[in-house]
Amino acid sequence: MSLKEITLYTDGACSGNPGAGGWGAVLIYNGAQKELSGYEAQTTNNRMELTAAIRGLEALKEPCRVKLYTDSQYLVNAFQ
């Protein structure tokens, strides 16, 4: 059985560090797109970057092959 290939774009931001922040994730499969987002009143930029990836992965309903795109070196370097 081959796994579905999902593309996941993530981003997080914060106004002040710590401060108000938000995150977003976009999942794409076979031309279909699902957008997720959230907000925290008091958080950090790195926390929002990680939250975007976590929430995007949590949205998967079955095991998948995921291509994750992020501009966060904090997130990328966690896996090296």
PDB file of N, CA and C in Angstrom:
ATOM      1  N   MET A   1       0.844  -1.191   0.000  1.00  0.00           N
ATOM      2  CA  MET A   1       0.000   0.000   0.000  1.00  0.00           C
ATOM      3  C   MET A   1       0.885   1.248   0.000  1.00  0.00           C
ATOM      4  N   SER A   2       0.679   2.133  -0.956  1.00  0.00           N
ATOM      5  CA  SER A   2       1.466   3.368  -0.970  1.00  0.00           C
ATOM      6  C   SER A   2       0.729   4.450  -0.189  1.00  0.00           C
ATOM      7  N   LEU A   3       1.503   5.287   0.446  1.00  0.00           N
ATOM      8  CA  LEU A   3       0.935   6.363   1.259  1.00  0.00           C
ATOM      9  C   LEU A   3       0.553   7.558   0.390  1.00  0.00           C
ATOM     10  N   LYS A   4      -0.475   8.261   0.796  1.00  0.00           N
ATOM     11  CA  LYS A   4      -0.847   9.513   0.143  1.00  0.00           C
ATOM     12  C   LYS A   4       0.270  10.521   0.364  1.00  0.00           C
ATOM     13  N   GLU A   5       0.524  11.370  -0.647  1.00  0.00           N
ATOM     14  CA  GLU A   5       1.510  12.442  -0.511  1.00  0.00           C
ATOM     15  C   GLU A   5       0.793  13.747  -0.243  1.00  0.00           C
ATOM     16  N   ILE A   6       1.075  14.339   0.896  1.00  0.00           N
ATOM     17  CA  ILE A   6       0.472  15.587   1.338  1.00  0.00           C
ATOM     18  C   ILE A   6       1.546  16.668   1.337  1.00  0.00           C
ATOM     19  N   THR A   7       1.195  17.863   0.882  1.00  0.00           N
ATOM     20  CA  THR A   7       2.080  19.014   1.005  1.00  0.00           C
ATOM     21  C   THR A   7       1.543  19.874   2.141  1.00  0.00           C
ATOM     22  N   LEU A   8       2.430  20.263   3.046  1.00  0.00           N
ATOM     23  CA  LEU A   8       2.052  21.060   4.212  1.00  0.00           C
ATOM     24  C   LEU A   8       2.932  22.305   4.271  1.00  0.00           C
ATOM     25  N   TYR A   9       2.298  23.474   4.168  1.00  0.00           N
ATOM     26  CA  TYR A   9       2.987  24.754   4.324  1.00  0.00           C
ATOM     27  C   TYR A   9       2.633  25.309   5.701  1.00  0.00           C
ATOM     28  N   THR A  10       3.646  25.765   6.438  1.00  0.00           N
ATOM     29  CA  THR A  10       3.391  26.275   7.785  1.00  0.00           C
ATOM     30  C   THR A  10       4.085  27.608   8.008  1.00  0.00           C
ATOM     31  N   ASP A  11       3.528  28.403   8.922  1.00  0.00           N
ATOM     32  CA  ASP A  11       4.179  29.641   9.328  1.00  0.00           C
ATOM     33  C   ASP A  11       3.636  30.063  10.686  1.00  0.00           C
ATOM     34  N   GLY A  12       4.460  30.746  11.428  1.00  0.00           N
ATOM     35  CA  GLY A  12       4.066  31.295  12.717  1.00  0.00           C
ATOM     36  C   GLY A  12       4.696  32.666  12.876  1.00  0.00           C
ATOM     37  N   ALA A  13       4.075  33.510  13.675  1.00  0.00           N
ATOM     38  CA  ALA A  13       4.593  34.863  13.883  1.00  0.00           C
ATOM     39  C   ALA A  13       4.180  35.364  15.246  1.00  0.00           C
ATOM     40  N   CYS A  14       4.873  36.405  15.671  1.00  0.00           N
ATOM     41  CA  CYS A  14       4.610  36.972  16.979  1.00  0.00           C
ATOM     42  C   CYS A  14       4.911  38.468  16.932  1.00  0.00           C
ATOM     43  N   SER A  15       4.072  39.256  17.590  1.00  0.00           N
ATOM     44  CA  SER A  15       4.299  40.693  17.690  1.00  0.00           C
ATOM     45  C   SER A  15       4.850  40.965  19.081  1.00  0.00           C
ATOM     46  N   GLY A  16       6.150  41.176  19.142  1.00  0.00           N
ATOM     47  CA  GLY A  16       6.854  41.152  20.415  1.00  0.00           C
ATOM     48  C   GLY A  16       7.263  39.708  20.655  1.00  0.00           C
ATOM     49  N   ASN A  17       8.227  39.493  21.495  1.00  0.00           N
ATOM     50  CA  ASN A  17       8.677  38.119  21.732  1.00  0.00           C
ATOM     51  C   ASN A  17       9.117  37.978  23.184  1.00  0.00           C
ATOM     52  N   PRO A  18       8.222  37.707  24.117  1.00  0.00           N
ATOM     53  CA  PRO A  18       6.871  37.194  23.873  1.00  0.00           C
ATOM     54  C   PRO A  18       5.871  38.309  23.593  1.00  0.00           C
ATOM     55  N   GLY A  19       4.740  37.882  23.059  1.00  0.00           N
ATOM     56  CA  GLY A  19       3.656  38.796  22.734  1.00  0.00           C
ATOM     57  C   GLY A  19       2.533  38.049  22.058  1.00  0.00           C
ATOM     58  N   ALA A  20       1.638  38.786  21.430  1.00  0.00           N
ATOM     59  CA  ALA A  20       0.524  38.172  20.713  1.00  0.00           C
ATOM     60  C   ALA A  20       1.058  37.480  19.460  1.00  0.00           C
ATOM     61  N   GLY A  21       0.562  36.283  19.194  1.00  0.00           N
ATOM     62  CA  GLY A  21       1.064  35.549  18.044  1.00  0.00           C
ATOM     63  C   GLY A  21       0.005  34.728  17.365  1.00  0.00           C
ATOM     64  N   GLY A  22       0.345  34.239  16.190  1.00  0.00           N
ATOM     65  CA  GLY A  22      -0.568  33.410  15.433  1.00  0.00           C
ATOM     66  C   GLY A  22       0.191  32.407  14.590  1.00  0.00           C
ATOM     67  N   TRP A  23      -0.517  31.425  14.115  1.00  0.00           N
ATOM     68  CA  TRP A  23       0.082  30.391  13.277  1.00  0.00           C
ATOM     69  C   TRP A  23      -0.893  30.021  12.164  1.00  0.00           C
ATOM     70  N   GLY A  24      -0.349  29.466  11.087  1.00  0.00           N
ATOM     71  CA  GLY A  24      -1.179  29.006   9.984  1.00  0.00           C
ATOM     72  C   GLY A  24      -0.561  27.778   9.340  1.00  0.00           C
ATOM     73  N   ALA A  25      -1.417  26.933   8.795  1.00  0.00           N
ATOM     74  CA  ALA A  25      -0.976  25.734   8.082  1.00  0.00           C
ATOM     75  C   ALA A  25      -1.920  25.499   6.910  1.00  0.00           C
ATOM     76  N   VAL A  26      -1.355  25.093   5.783  1.00  0.00           N
ATOM     77  CA  VAL A  26      -2.151  24.758   4.608  1.00  0.00           C
ATOM     78  C   VAL A  26      -1.753  23.352   4.174  1.00  0.00           C
ATOM     79  N   LEU A  27      -2.741  22.460   4.138  1.00  0.00           N
ATOM     80  CA  LEU A  27      -2.536  21.091   3.666  1.00  0.00           C
ATOM     81  C   LEU A  27      -3.094  20.977   2.259  1.00  0.00           C
ATOM     82  N   ILE A  28      -2.326  20.355   1.353  1.00  0.00           N
ATOM     83  CA  ILE A  28      -2.766  20.193  -0.029  1.00  0.00           C
ATOM     84  C   ILE A  28      -2.634  18.728  -0.421  1.00  0.00           C
ATOM     85  N   TYR A  29      -3.729  18.189  -0.963  1.00  0.00           N
ATOM     86  CA  TYR A  29      -3.729  16.812  -1.465  1.00  0.00           C
ATOM     87  C   TYR A  29      -4.609  16.744  -2.704  1.00  0.00           C
ATOM     88  N   ASN A  30      -4.031  16.302  -3.800  1.00  0.00           N
ATOM     89  CA  ASN A  30      -4.801  16.103  -5.037  1.00  0.00           C
ATOM     90  C   ASN A  30      -5.587  17.341  -5.451  1.00  0.00           C
ATOM     91  N   GLY A  31      -5.019  18.504  -5.259  1.00  0.00           N
ATOM     92  CA  GLY A  31      -5.687  19.740  -5.644  1.00  0.00           C
ATOM     93  C   GLY A  31      -6.630  20.296  -4.595  1.00  0.00           C
ATOM     94  N   ALA A  32      -6.947  19.497  -3.573  1.00  0.00           N
ATOM     95  CA  ALA A  32      -7.801  19.978  -2.480  1.00  0.00           C
ATOM     96  C   ALA A  32      -6.926  20.654  -1.437  1.00  0.00           C
ATOM     97  N   GLN A  33      -7.462  21.685  -0.826  1.00  0.00           N
ATOM     98  CA  GLN A  33      -6.691  22.483   0.129  1.00  0.00           C
ATOM     99  C   GLN A  33      -7.490  22.672   1.420  1.00  0.00           C
ATOM    100  N   LYS A  34      -6.789  22.523   2.554  1.00  0.00           N
ATOM    101  CA  LYS A  34      -7.404  22.773   3.859  1.00  0.00           C
ATOM    102  C   LYS A  34      -6.522  23.769   4.595  1.00  0.00           C
ATOM    103  N   GLU A  35      -7.143  24.834   5.100  1.00  0.00           N
ATOM    104  CA  GLU A  35      -6.408  25.870   5.826  1.00  0.00           C
ATOM    105  C   GLU A  35      -6.737  25.797   7.308  1.00  0.00           C
ATOM    106  N   LEU A  36      -5.711  25.913   8.136  1.00  0.00           N
ATOM    107  CA  LEU A  36      -5.848  25.915   9.585  1.00  0.00           C
ATOM    108  C   LEU A  36      -5.133  27.141  10.137  1.00  0.00           C
ATOM    109  N   SER A  37      -5.625  27.690  11.237  1.00  0.00           N
ATOM    110  CA  SER A  37      -4.935  28.824  11.860  1.00  0.00           C
ATOM    111  C   SER A  37      -5.351  28.938  13.319  1.00  0.00           C
ATOM    112  N   GLY A  38      -4.555  29.682  14.066  1.00  0.00           N
ATOM    113  CA  GLY A  38      -4.865  29.890  15.467  1.00  0.00           C
ATOM    114  C   GLY A  38      -4.135  31.101  16.009  1.00  0.00           C
ATOM    115  N   TYR A  39      -4.449  31.444  17.243  1.00  0.00           N
ATOM    116  CA  TYR A  39      -3.957  32.658  17.880  1.00  0.00           C
ATOM    117  C   TYR A  39      -3.655  32.372  19.349  1.00  0.00           C
ATOM    118  N   GLU A  40      -2.640  33.011  19.876  1.00  0.00           N
ATOM    119  CA  GLU A  40      -2.311  32.966  21.302  1.00  0.00           C
ATOM    120  C   GLU A  40      -2.056  34.397  21.758  1.00  0.00           C
ATOM    121  N   ALA A  41      -2.628  34.771  22.879  1.00  0.00           N
ATOM    122  CA  ALA A  41      -2.479  36.138  23.378  1.00  0.00           C
ATOM    123  C   ALA A  41      -1.063  36.427  23.862  1.00  0.00           C
ATOM    124  N   GLN A  42      -0.407  35.437  24.444  1.00  0.00           N
ATOM    125  CA  GLN A  42       0.939  35.625  24.996  1.00  0.00           C
ATOM    126  C   GLN A  42       1.777  34.395  24.636  1.00  0.00           C
ATOM    127  N   THR A  43       2.698  34.567  23.698  1.00  0.00           N
ATOM    128  CA  THR A  43       3.461  33.426  23.200  1.00  0.00           C
ATOM    129  C   THR A  43       4.793  33.896  22.640  1.00  0.00           C
ATOM    130  N   THR A  44       5.520  32.997  21.996  1.00  0.00           N
ATOM    131  CA  THR A  44       6.780  33.344  21.340  1.00  0.00           C
ATOM    132  C   THR A  44       6.709  32.947  19.866  1.00  0.00           C
ATOM    133  N   ASN A  45       7.584  33.517  19.065  1.00  0.00           N
ATOM    134  CA  ASN A  45       7.631  33.200  17.646  1.00  0.00           C
ATOM    135  C   ASN A  45       7.912  31.718  17.427  1.00  0.00           C
ATOM    136  N   ASN A  46       8.914  31.176  18.124  1.00  0.00           N
ATOM    137  CA  ASN A  46       9.254  29.762  17.934  1.00  0.00           C
ATOM    138  C   ASN A  46       8.088  28.856  18.293  1.00  0.00           C
ATOM    139  N   ARG A  47       7.368  29.184  19.329  1.00  0.00           N
ATOM    140  CA  ARG A  47       6.212  28.376  19.714  1.00  0.00           C
ATOM    141  C   ARG A  47       5.157  28.376  18.603  1.00  0.00           C
ATOM    142  N   MET A  48       4.943  29.508  17.971  1.00  0.00           N
ATOM    143  CA  MET A  48       3.959  29.576  16.893  1.00  0.00           C
ATOM    144  C   MET A  48       4.422  28.796  15.663  1.00  0.00           C
ATOM    145  N   GLU A  49       5.714  28.847  15.363  1.00  0.00           N
ATOM    146  CA  GLU A  49       6.260  28.070  14.249  1.00  0.00           C
ATOM    147  C   GLU A  49       6.045  26.570  14.489  1.00  0.00           C
ATOM    148  N   LEU A  50       6.353  26.104  15.698  1.00  0.00           N
ATOM    149  CA  LEU A  50       6.169  24.696  16.035  1.00  0.00           C
ATOM    150  C   LEU A  50       4.694  24.310  16.053  1.00  0.00           C
ATOM    151  N   THR A  51       3.860  25.170  16.594  1.00  0.00           N
ATOM    152  CA  THR A  51       2.426  24.891  16.665  1.00  0.00           C
ATOM    153  C   THR A  51       1.835  24.713  15.280  1.00  0.00           C
ATOM    154  N   ALA A  52       2.249  25.525  14.325  1.00  0.00           N
ATOM    155  CA  ALA A  52       1.739  25.406  12.951  1.00  0.00           C
ATOM    156  C   ALA A  52       2.029  24.013  12.390  1.00  0.00           C
ATOM    157  N   ALA A  53       3.245  23.540  12.565  1.00  0.00           N
ATOM    158  CA  ALA A  53       3.612  22.214  12.058  1.00  0.00           C
ATOM    159  C   ALA A  53       2.860  21.111  12.806  1.00  0.00           C
ATOM    160  N   ILE A  54       2.787  21.219  14.109  1.00  0.00           N
ATOM    161  CA  ILE A  54       2.095  20.203  14.908  1.00  0.00           C
ATOM    162  C   ILE A  54       0.626  20.119  14.538  1.00  0.00           C
ATOM    163  N   ARG A  55      -0.042  21.253  14.465  1.00  0.00           N
ATOM    164  CA  ARG A  55      -1.479  21.263  14.141  1.00  0.00           C
ATOM    165  C   ARG A  55      -1.731  20.739  12.725  1.00  0.00           C
ATOM    166  N   GLY A  56      -0.837  21.077  11.805  1.00  0.00           N
ATOM    167  CA  GLY A  56      -0.971  20.559  10.447  1.00  0.00           C
ATOM    168  C   GLY A  56      -0.852  19.047  10.412  1.00  0.00           C
ATOM    169  N   LEU A  57       0.122  18.504  11.126  1.00  0.00           N
ATOM    170  CA  LEU A  57       0.298  17.051  11.173  1.00  0.00           C
ATOM    171  C   LEU A  57      -0.847  16.373  11.916  1.00  0.00           C
ATOM    172  N   GLU A  58      -1.340  17.004  12.968  1.00  0.00           N
ATOM    173  CA  GLU A  58      -2.468  16.445  13.715  1.00  0.00           C
ATOM    174  C   GLU A  58      -3.743  16.359  12.872  1.00  0.00           C
ATOM    175  N   ALA A  59      -3.858  17.204  11.866  1.00  0.00           N
ATOM    176  CA  ALA A  59      -5.053  17.219  11.019  1.00  0.00           C
ATOM    177  C   ALA A  59      -5.122  16.019  10.071  1.00  0.00           C
ATOM    178  N   LEU A  60      -4.015  15.308   9.902  1.00  0.00           N
ATOM    179  CA  LEU A  60      -4.012  14.137   9.020  1.00  0.00           C
ATOM    180  C   LEU A  60      -4.880  13.041   9.624  1.00  0.00           C
ATOM    181  N   LYS A  61      -5.649  12.378   8.792  1.00  0.00           N
ATOM    182  CA  LYS A  61      -6.585  11.360   9.278  1.00  0.00           C
ATOM    183  C   LYS A  61      -6.054   9.943   9.129  1.00  0.00           C
ATOM    184  N   GLU A  62      -4.907   9.817   8.476  1.00  0.00           N
ATOM    185  CA  GLU A  62      -4.284   8.513   8.265  1.00  0.00           C
ATOM    186  C   GLU A  62      -2.791   8.733   8.023  1.00  0.00           C
ATOM    187  N   PRO A  63      -1.992   7.682   8.100  1.00  0.00           N
ATOM    188  CA  PRO A  63      -0.560   7.843   7.800  1.00  0.00           C
ATOM    189  C   PRO A  63      -0.367   8.352   6.375  1.00  0.00           C
ATOM    190  N   CYS A  64       0.522   9.331   6.210  1.00  0.00           N
ATOM    191  CA  CYS A  64       0.791   9.940   4.904  1.00  0.00           C
ATOM    192  C   CYS A  64       2.274  10.254   4.782  1.00  0.00           C
ATOM    193  N   ARG A  65       2.719  10.420   3.556  1.00  0.00           N
ATOM    194  CA  ARG A  65       4.050  10.973   3.285  1.00  0.00           C
ATOM    195  C   ARG A  65       3.832  12.481   3.199  1.00  0.00           C
ATOM    196  N   VAL A  66       4.575  13.238   4.006  1.00  0.00           N
ATOM    197  CA  VAL A  66       4.344  14.677   4.099  1.00  0.00           C
ATOM    198  C   VAL A  66       5.584  15.442   3.640  1.00  0.00           C
ATOM    199  N   LYS A  67       5.375  16.384   2.728  1.00  0.00           N
ATOM    200  CA  LYS A  67       6.416  17.352   2.363  1.00  0.00           C
ATOM    201  C   LYS A  67       6.063  18.626   3.110  1.00  0.00           C
ATOM    202  N   LEU A  68       6.857  18.958   4.114  1.00  0.00           N
ATOM    203  CA  LEU A  68       6.585  20.117   4.959  1.00  0.00           C
ATOM    204  C   LEU A  68       7.497  21.270   4.543  1.00  0.00           C
ATOM    205  N   TYR A  69       6.893  22.427   4.299  1.00  0.00           N
ATOM    206  CA  TYR A  69       7.630  23.628   3.930  1.00  0.00           C
ATOM    207  C   TYR A  69       7.462  24.665   5.033  1.00  0.00           C
ATOM    208  N   THR A  70       8.597  25.215   5.492  1.00  0.00           N
ATOM    209  CA  THR A  70       8.595  26.226   6.542  1.00  0.00           C
ATOM    210  C   THR A  70       9.761  27.177   6.330  1.00  0.00           C
ATOM    211  N   ASP A  71       9.622  28.399   6.816  1.00  0.00           N
ATOM    212  CA  ASP A  71      10.745  29.340   6.780  1.00  0.00           C
ATOM    213  C   ASP A  71      11.452  29.387   8.127  1.00  0.00           C
ATOM    214  N   SER A  72      11.053  28.519   9.048  1.00  0.00           N
ATOM    215  CA  SER A  72      11.600  28.521  10.403  1.00  0.00           C
ATOM    216  C   SER A  72      12.846  27.650  10.518  1.00  0.00           C
ATOM    217  N   GLN A  73      13.992  28.268  10.693  1.00  0.00           N
ATOM    218  CA  GLN A  73      15.218  27.503  10.917  1.00  0.00           C
ATOM    219  C   GLN A  73      15.157  26.749  12.243  1.00  0.00           C
ATOM    220  N   TYR A  74      14.441  27.289  13.206  1.00  0.00           N
ATOM    221  CA  TYR A  74      14.246  26.612  14.492  1.00  0.00           C
ATOM    222  C   TYR A  74      13.578  25.254  14.272  1.00  0.00           C
ATOM    223  N   LEU A  75      12.568  25.225  13.445  1.00  0.00           N
ATOM    224  CA  LEU A  75      11.859  23.973  13.147  1.00  0.00           C
ATOM    225  C   LEU A  75      12.711  23.054  12.285  1.00  0.00           C
ATOM    226  N   VAL A  76      13.297  23.571  11.229  1.00  0.00           N
ATOM    227  CA  VAL A  76      14.120  22.765  10.328  1.00  0.00           C
ATOM    228  C   VAL A  76      15.280  22.126  11.089  1.00  0.00           C
ATOM    229  N   ASN A  77      15.971  22.895  11.906  1.00  0.00           N
ATOM    230  CA  ASN A  77      17.142  22.388  12.611  1.00  0.00           C
ATOM    231  C   ASN A  77      16.791  21.384  13.708  1.00  0.00           C
ATOM    232  N   ALA A  78      15.547  21.321  14.106  1.00  0.00           N
ATOM    233  CA  ALA A  78      15.122  20.324  15.109  1.00  0.00           C
ATOM    234  C   ALA A  78      15.245  18.915  14.549  1.00  0.00           C
ATOM    235  N   PHE A  79      15.269  18.765  13.228  1.00  0.00           N
ATOM    236  CA  PHE A  79      15.300  17.440  12.599  1.00  0.00           C
ATOM    237  C   PHE A  79      16.642  17.109  11.967  1.00  0.00           C
ATOM    238  N   GLN A  80      17.638  17.926  12.184  1.00  0.00           N
ATOM    239  CA  GLN A  80      18.957  17.641  11.595  1.00  0.00           C
ATOM    240  C   GLN A  80      19.873  17.011  12.605  1.00  0.00           C
TER     241      GLN A  80
END
